[in-house]
Amino acid sequence: MNGQGTRKSIFITGAASGMGRATAKYFAQKGWFIGAADINATLLATLQQELGSEACHTRTLDVTDPADFNTALAEFAEHTGGRLDLMFNNAGIGESGWFEDVPYEAAMRVVKINFIGVLNGVYASLPYLKRTPNSLLFTTSSSSATYGMPRIAVYSATKHAVKGLTEALSVEFQRHGVRVADVLPGLIDTAILRSTPNRSGDAPKPTEEQFYANAPKSGPFRLMPAEAVAQCVWEAYHTPKKLHWYVPKDLVWIDRIKGFWPTLIRRRIGGMLMTRMQPKP
């Protein structure tokens, strides 16, 4: 147990960078013990150095492998006395472009990591969440789960699946005393925004300077720091009854308006897409 059993604990997938890394650092500052898992061993090593072995246990993890997931949680539980206060299913990847341009194998990898990986995380973590009072199962969905987003259709579909799973399990897991919620981030300043391939090849990859210059400065899709999501995860643990968390908060209006006027949202999203696809003078 290594003396960690008295501290609250959080296990984070996709912890080596972006929102996962920001969340690991945020919770470590609050005195929690961190389980950081990712496929990127190099970045995990730098996180371990930054937080220290007394605050963080790191492990490489392929979230699509249920056996690997089960072993990872069992190893982490050895450091916490079997306690798991918060499971953060955060690992995810993206693919962009018109649907027919995205190779089938690439689309299936998105499905396996973004949704099957979440299912594996739920199965692996549930025994530990059930034995920990006031535990929370928390998952990264997306603003693309407010309405199906063109050019990231499969990604958007996986995030709708995550959102639906969250709603169902929030009812089911009441009988276990386990809370369930998710976060729907908008445009977050992480590597996925730059690394997601454009399979249609109809837009040049922007430079770092162009990316920040063109990023929205206002509105629901304004660029937000990864730390905003980390703070949201913290608030979610301390707010028992809230199901969906939006970063920024005004993204909730897409969900609300879609409920009674879906054609309006479709027109707006279509208009935004066509504007973006217009060639720059």
Protein backbone atom coordinates (compact mmCIF):
# COMPACT_ATOMS: atom_id res chain seq x y z
CA MET A 1 0.00 0.00 0.00
CA ASN A 2 3.01 2.31 0.44
CA GLY A 3 1.18 4.62 2.84
CA GLN A 4 -1.24 5.99 0.21
CA GLY A 5 -4.39 4.32 1.50
CA THR A 6 -5.53 7.28 3.60
CA ARG A 7 -5.53 9.75 0.68
CA LYS A 8 -8.24 10.21 -1.89
CA SER A 9 -7.28 8.73 -5.24
CA ILE A 10 -7.99 9.36 -8.92
CA PHE A 11 -7.13 7.16 -11.90
CA ILE A 12 -6.79 9.04 -15.20
CA THR A 13 -6.47 7.64 -18.72
CA GLY A 14 -4.87 9.81 -21.37
CA ALA A 15 -2.94 11.37 -18.49
CA ALA A 16 0.34 12.10 -20.25
CA SER A 17 -0.81 15.27 -22.00
CA GLY A 18 -3.60 17.78 -22.42
CA MET A 19 -6.64 17.60 -20.17
CA GLY A 20 -5.49 14.40 -18.48
CA ARG A 21 -2.11 15.83 -17.53
CA ALA A 22 -3.68 19.08 -16.34
CA THR A 23 -6.10 17.09 -14.18
CA ALA A 24 -3.30 14.98 -12.70
CA LYS A 25 -1.38 18.11 -11.71
CA TYR A 26 -4.47 19.83 -10.33
CA PHE A 27 -5.49 16.90 -8.12
CA ALA A 28 -1.91 16.32 -6.96
CA GLN A 29 -1.84 19.93 -5.76
CA LYS A 30 -4.99 19.17 -3.78
CA GLY A 31 -3.26 16.27 -2.03
CA TRP A 32 -4.80 13.37 -3.95
CA PHE A 33 -2.88 10.28 -5.02
CA ILE A 34 -2.76 10.04 -8.81
CA GLY A 35 -2.91 7.03 -11.09
CA ALA A 36 -1.72 8.26 -14.48
CA ALA A 37 -2.10 5.94 -17.46
CA ASP A 38 -1.31 6.58 -21.11
CA ILE A 39 0.12 4.91 -24.19
CA ASN A 40 2.94 7.50 -24.28
CA ALA A 41 5.64 6.23 -21.91
CA THR A 42 7.96 9.19 -22.51
CA LEU A 43 5.45 11.83 -21.46
CA LEU A 44 4.33 9.67 -18.53
CA ALA A 45 7.93 9.62 -17.29
CA THR A 46 8.10 13.42 -17.30
CA LEU A 47 4.81 13.59 -15.38
CA GLN A 48 6.18 11.15 -12.82
CA GLN A 49 9.26 13.32 -12.39
CA GLU A 50 7.13 16.44 -12.06
CA LEU A 51 4.73 15.06 -9.45
CA GLY A 52 7.00 12.62 -7.65
CA SER A 53 6.47 8.96 -6.78
CA GLU A 54 4.80 9.81 -3.47
CA ALA A 55 2.00 11.61 -5.31
CA CYS A 56 1.74 9.65 -8.54
CA HIS A 57 1.78 6.10 -9.90
CA THR A 58 2.25 5.93 -13.66
CA ARG A 59 1.71 3.05 -16.07
CA THR A 60 1.53 2.59 -19.82
CA LEU A 61 -1.93 1.39 -20.81
CA ASP A 62 -3.69 0.38 -24.00
CA VAL A 63 -7.30 1.24 -23.14
CA THR A 64 -8.57 -1.04 -25.91
CA ASP A 65 -7.14 -4.09 -24.09
CA PRO A 66 -9.50 -5.13 -21.25
CA ALA A 67 -6.92 -7.43 -19.64
CA ASP A 68 -4.36 -4.63 -19.58
CA PHE A 69 -6.97 -2.30 -18.07
CA ASN A 70 -7.86 -4.79 -15.33
CA THR A 71 -4.20 -5.25 -14.45
CA ALA A 72 -3.58 -1.50 -14.40
CA LEU A 73 -6.41 -0.89 -11.93
CA ALA A 74 -5.32 -3.81 -9.75
CA GLU A 75 -1.77 -2.43 -9.60
CA PHE A 76 -3.06 1.03 -8.74
CA ALA A 77 -5.31 -0.37 -6.00
CA GLU A 78 -2.24 -1.86 -4.33
CA HIS A 79 -1.11 1.74 -3.68
CA THR A 80 -4.49 2.92 -2.37
CA GLY A 81 -5.67 0.08 -0.19
CA GLY A 82 -8.27 -0.78 -2.80
CA ARG A 83 -9.71 2.74 -2.79
CA LEU A 84 -10.76 4.58 -5.97
CA ASP A 85 -12.55 7.85 -5.34
CA LEU A 86 -12.63 9.07 -8.93
CA MET A 87 -12.21 7.21 -12.22
CA PHE A 88 -11.56 9.62 -15.09
CA ASN A 89 -11.98 7.94 -18.49
CA ASN A 90 -10.29 10.60 -20.58
CA ALA A 91 -8.21 8.90 -23.30
CA GLY A 92 -9.31 9.74 -26.82
CA ILE A 93 -8.18 10.38 -30.38
CA GLY A 94 -9.64 12.11 -33.42
CA GLU A 95 -9.89 11.82 -37.20
CA SER A 96 -11.21 14.58 -39.43
CA GLY A 97 -12.32 14.98 -43.02
CA TRP A 98 -15.37 14.05 -45.07
CA PHE A 99 -16.72 10.69 -43.93
CA GLU A 100 -15.77 8.80 -47.11
CA ASP A 101 -12.19 10.08 -46.95
CA VAL A 102 -11.50 8.64 -43.50
CA PRO A 103 -10.14 5.08 -43.91
CA TYR A 104 -12.24 2.38 -42.29
CA GLU A 105 -9.33 1.23 -40.11
CA ALA A 106 -8.78 4.79 -38.84
CA ALA A 107 -12.48 5.19 -38.05
CA MET A 108 -12.51 1.90 -36.15
CA ARG A 109 -9.50 3.00 -34.10
CA VAL A 110 -11.48 6.07 -33.02
CA VAL A 111 -14.36 3.81 -31.98
CA LYS A 112 -12.08 1.41 -30.10
CA ILE A 113 -10.25 4.09 -28.12
CA ASN A 114 -13.04 6.61 -27.57
CA PHE A 115 -15.85 4.21 -26.74
CA ILE A 116 -14.64 0.64 -26.27
CA GLY A 117 -11.81 2.07 -24.16
CA VAL A 118 -14.39 3.79 -21.96
CA LEU A 119 -16.38 0.56 -21.57
CA ASN A 120 -13.18 -1.24 -20.57
CA GLY A 121 -12.52 1.48 -18.02
CA VAL A 122 -15.97 1.14 -16.52
CA TYR A 123 -15.69 -2.62 -16.18
CA ALA A 124 -12.20 -2.44 -14.69
CA SER A 125 -12.89 0.36 -12.21
CA LEU A 126 -16.37 -0.54 -10.99
CA PRO A 127 -15.29 -3.03 -8.28
CA TYR A 128 -13.06 -0.37 -6.68
CA LEU A 129 -15.62 2.43 -7.08
CA LYS A 130 -18.27 0.26 -5.39
CA ARG A 131 -16.15 -0.21 -2.30
CA THR A 132 -15.26 3.51 -2.02
CA PRO A 133 -17.87 5.83 -0.45
CA ASN A 134 -18.94 8.83 -2.55
CA SER A 135 -16.99 7.63 -5.59
CA LEU A 136 -17.43 9.14 -9.04
CA LEU A 137 -17.15 7.63 -12.52
CA PHE A 138 -16.32 10.57 -14.80
CA THR A 139 -15.78 10.48 -18.56
CA THR A 140 -14.71 12.91 -21.26
CA SER A 141 -17.47 13.34 -23.81
CA SER A 142 -17.35 16.38 -26.12
CA SER A 143 -19.21 19.42 -27.39
CA SER A 144 -19.60 17.27 -30.54
CA ALA A 145 -22.07 15.22 -28.47
CA THR A 146 -24.44 18.20 -28.33
CA TYR A 147 -25.12 17.81 -32.06
CA GLY A 148 -23.51 15.53 -34.64
CA MET A 149 -20.57 17.47 -36.05
CA PRO A 150 -19.61 17.24 -39.75
CA ARG A 151 -16.05 16.31 -40.71
CA ILE A 152 -15.58 14.54 -37.38
CA ALA A 153 -18.62 12.30 -37.78
CA VAL A 154 -17.26 9.10 -36.22
CA TYR A 155 -15.55 11.00 -33.38
CA SER A 156 -18.84 12.81 -32.74
CA ALA A 157 -20.73 9.51 -32.75
CA THR A 158 -18.41 8.01 -30.12
CA LYS A 159 -18.92 11.04 -27.90
CA HIS A 160 -22.71 10.76 -28.26
CA ALA A 161 -22.28 7.13 -27.15
CA VAL A 162 -20.27 8.23 -24.12
CA LYS A 163 -22.95 10.75 -23.21
CA GLY A 164 -25.72 8.16 -23.52
CA LEU A 165 -23.74 5.65 -21.47
CA THR A 166 -23.23 8.27 -18.78
CA GLU A 167 -26.95 8.95 -18.56
CA ALA A 168 -27.83 5.25 -18.34
CA LEU A 169 -25.17 4.38 -15.78
CA SER A 170 -26.04 7.41 -13.65
CA VAL A 171 -29.33 5.62 -13.00
CA GLU A 172 -28.00 2.05 -12.82
CA PHE A 173 -25.08 2.73 -10.50
CA GLN A 174 -27.21 4.44 -7.88
CA ARG A 175 -27.78 0.98 -6.48
CA HIS A 176 -24.00 0.72 -5.95
CA GLY A 177 -23.63 4.16 -4.41
CA VAL A 178 -21.45 5.22 -7.38
CA ARG A 179 -22.03 8.62 -8.98
CA VAL A 180 -21.67 9.05 -12.76
CA ALA A 181 -21.09 12.23 -14.81
CA ASP A 182 -19.26 13.51 -17.87
CA VAL A 183 -17.63 16.63 -19.28
CA LEU A 184 -18.42 18.06 -22.71
CA PRO A 185 -15.45 20.28 -23.61
CA GLY A 186 -15.47 22.62 -26.56
CA LEU A 187 -12.28 23.93 -28.12
CA ILE A 188 -9.56 23.07 -25.61
CA ASP A 189 -5.93 24.04 -26.11
CA THR A 190 -4.45 20.53 -26.34
CA ALA A 191 -2.29 18.57 -28.76
CA ILE A 192 -5.31 16.78 -30.27
CA LEU A 193 -6.29 19.99 -32.04
CA ARG A 194 -3.00 19.95 -33.93
CA SER A 195 -2.41 16.21 -34.25
CA THR A 196 -5.82 15.15 -35.59
CA PRO A 197 -5.23 14.27 -39.26
CA ASN A 198 -7.33 15.87 -41.98
CA ARG A 199 -7.99 12.88 -44.24
CA SER A 200 -9.56 15.02 -46.97
CA GLY A 201 -6.40 17.08 -47.39
CA ASP A 202 -8.38 20.18 -48.31
CA ALA A 203 -7.01 22.47 -45.62
CA PRO A 204 -3.32 23.13 -44.90
CA LYS A 205 -2.11 22.48 -41.38
CA PRO A 206 -1.81 25.86 -39.65
CA THR A 207 1.35 27.00 -37.96
CA GLU A 208 1.28 27.51 -34.19
CA GLU A 209 1.00 31.25 -34.75
CA GLN A 210 -1.86 30.85 -37.24
CA PHE A 211 -3.68 28.45 -34.92
CA TYR A 212 -3.78 30.92 -32.04
CA ALA A 213 -4.55 33.86 -34.33
CA ASN A 214 -7.56 32.06 -35.88
CA ALA A 215 -8.93 30.45 -32.70
CA PRO A 216 -12.25 31.99 -31.57
CA LYS A 217 -11.82 34.51 -28.76
CA SER A 218 -15.47 34.57 -27.72
CA GLY A 219 -18.62 32.46 -27.88
CA PRO A 220 -19.20 28.83 -26.86
CA PHE A 221 -16.35 27.59 -29.07
CA ARG A 222 -13.73 30.00 -27.76
CA LEU A 223 -10.36 28.46 -27.04
CA MET A 224 -10.08 27.29 -23.42
CA PRO A 225 -7.04 26.08 -21.45
CA ALA A 226 -6.77 22.43 -20.42
CA GLU A 227 -6.77 23.60 -16.80
CA ALA A 228 -10.43 24.64 -17.20
CA VAL A 229 -11.33 20.97 -17.64
CA ALA A 230 -9.17 19.95 -14.68
CA GLN A 231 -11.05 22.39 -12.48
CA CYS A 232 -14.33 21.04 -13.87
CA VAL A 233 -13.37 17.49 -12.83
CA TRP A 234 -12.66 18.79 -9.33
CA GLU A 235 -16.02 20.58 -9.17
CA ALA A 236 -17.82 17.49 -10.48
CA TYR A 237 -16.49 15.39 -7.62
CA HIS A 238 -17.75 17.95 -5.13
CA THR A 239 -21.16 18.48 -6.82
CA PRO A 240 -23.07 15.22 -6.36
CA LYS A 241 -26.20 15.81 -8.45
CA LYS A 242 -24.89 17.35 -11.68
CA LEU A 243 -24.75 15.00 -14.67
CA HIS A 244 -23.32 16.90 -17.66
CA TRP A 245 -20.57 19.50 -17.35
CA TYR A 246 -19.85 21.93 -20.19
CA VAL A 247 -16.55 23.76 -20.76
CA PRO A 248 -17.29 26.58 -21.32
CA LYS A 249 -20.67 26.59 -19.62
CA ASP A 250 -22.53 28.30 -22.48
CA LEU A 251 -22.16 25.16 -24.64
CA VAL A 252 -25.19 23.87 -22.77
CA TRP A 253 -27.38 26.07 -24.98
CA ILE A 254 -26.62 23.94 -28.04
CA ASP A 255 -28.05 20.95 -26.18
CA ARG A 256 -31.08 22.91 -24.98
CA ILE A 257 -31.95 24.52 -28.31
CA LYS A 258 -31.43 21.25 -30.19
CA GLY A 259 -34.07 19.64 -28.00
CA PHE A 260 -36.89 21.77 -29.42
CA TRP A 261 -35.39 23.19 -32.64
CA PRO A 262 -32.90 20.71 -34.17
CA THR A 263 -33.24 22.16 -37.69
CA LEU A 264 -31.98 25.52 -36.45
CA ILE A 265 -28.83 23.96 -35.01
CA ARG A 266 -28.29 22.01 -38.24
CA ARG A 267 -28.51 25.20 -40.29
CA ARG A 268 -26.16 27.05 -37.97
CA ILE A 269 -23.56 24.27 -37.99
CA GLY A 270 -23.87 23.92 -41.76
CA GLY A 271 -23.38 27.65 -42.15
CA MET A 272 -20.32 27.64 -39.94
CA LEU A 273 -18.85 24.76 -41.94
CA MET A 274 -19.42 26.41 -45.29
CA THR A 275 -17.88 29.65 -44.04
CA ARG A 276 -14.83 27.77 -42.83
CA MET A 277 -14.47 25.97 -46.16
CA GLN A 278 -14.46 29.19 -48.20
CA PRO A 279 -10.99 29.91 -49.64
CA LYS A 280 -9.15 32.75 -47.98
CA PRO A 281 -8.48 35.74 -50.27
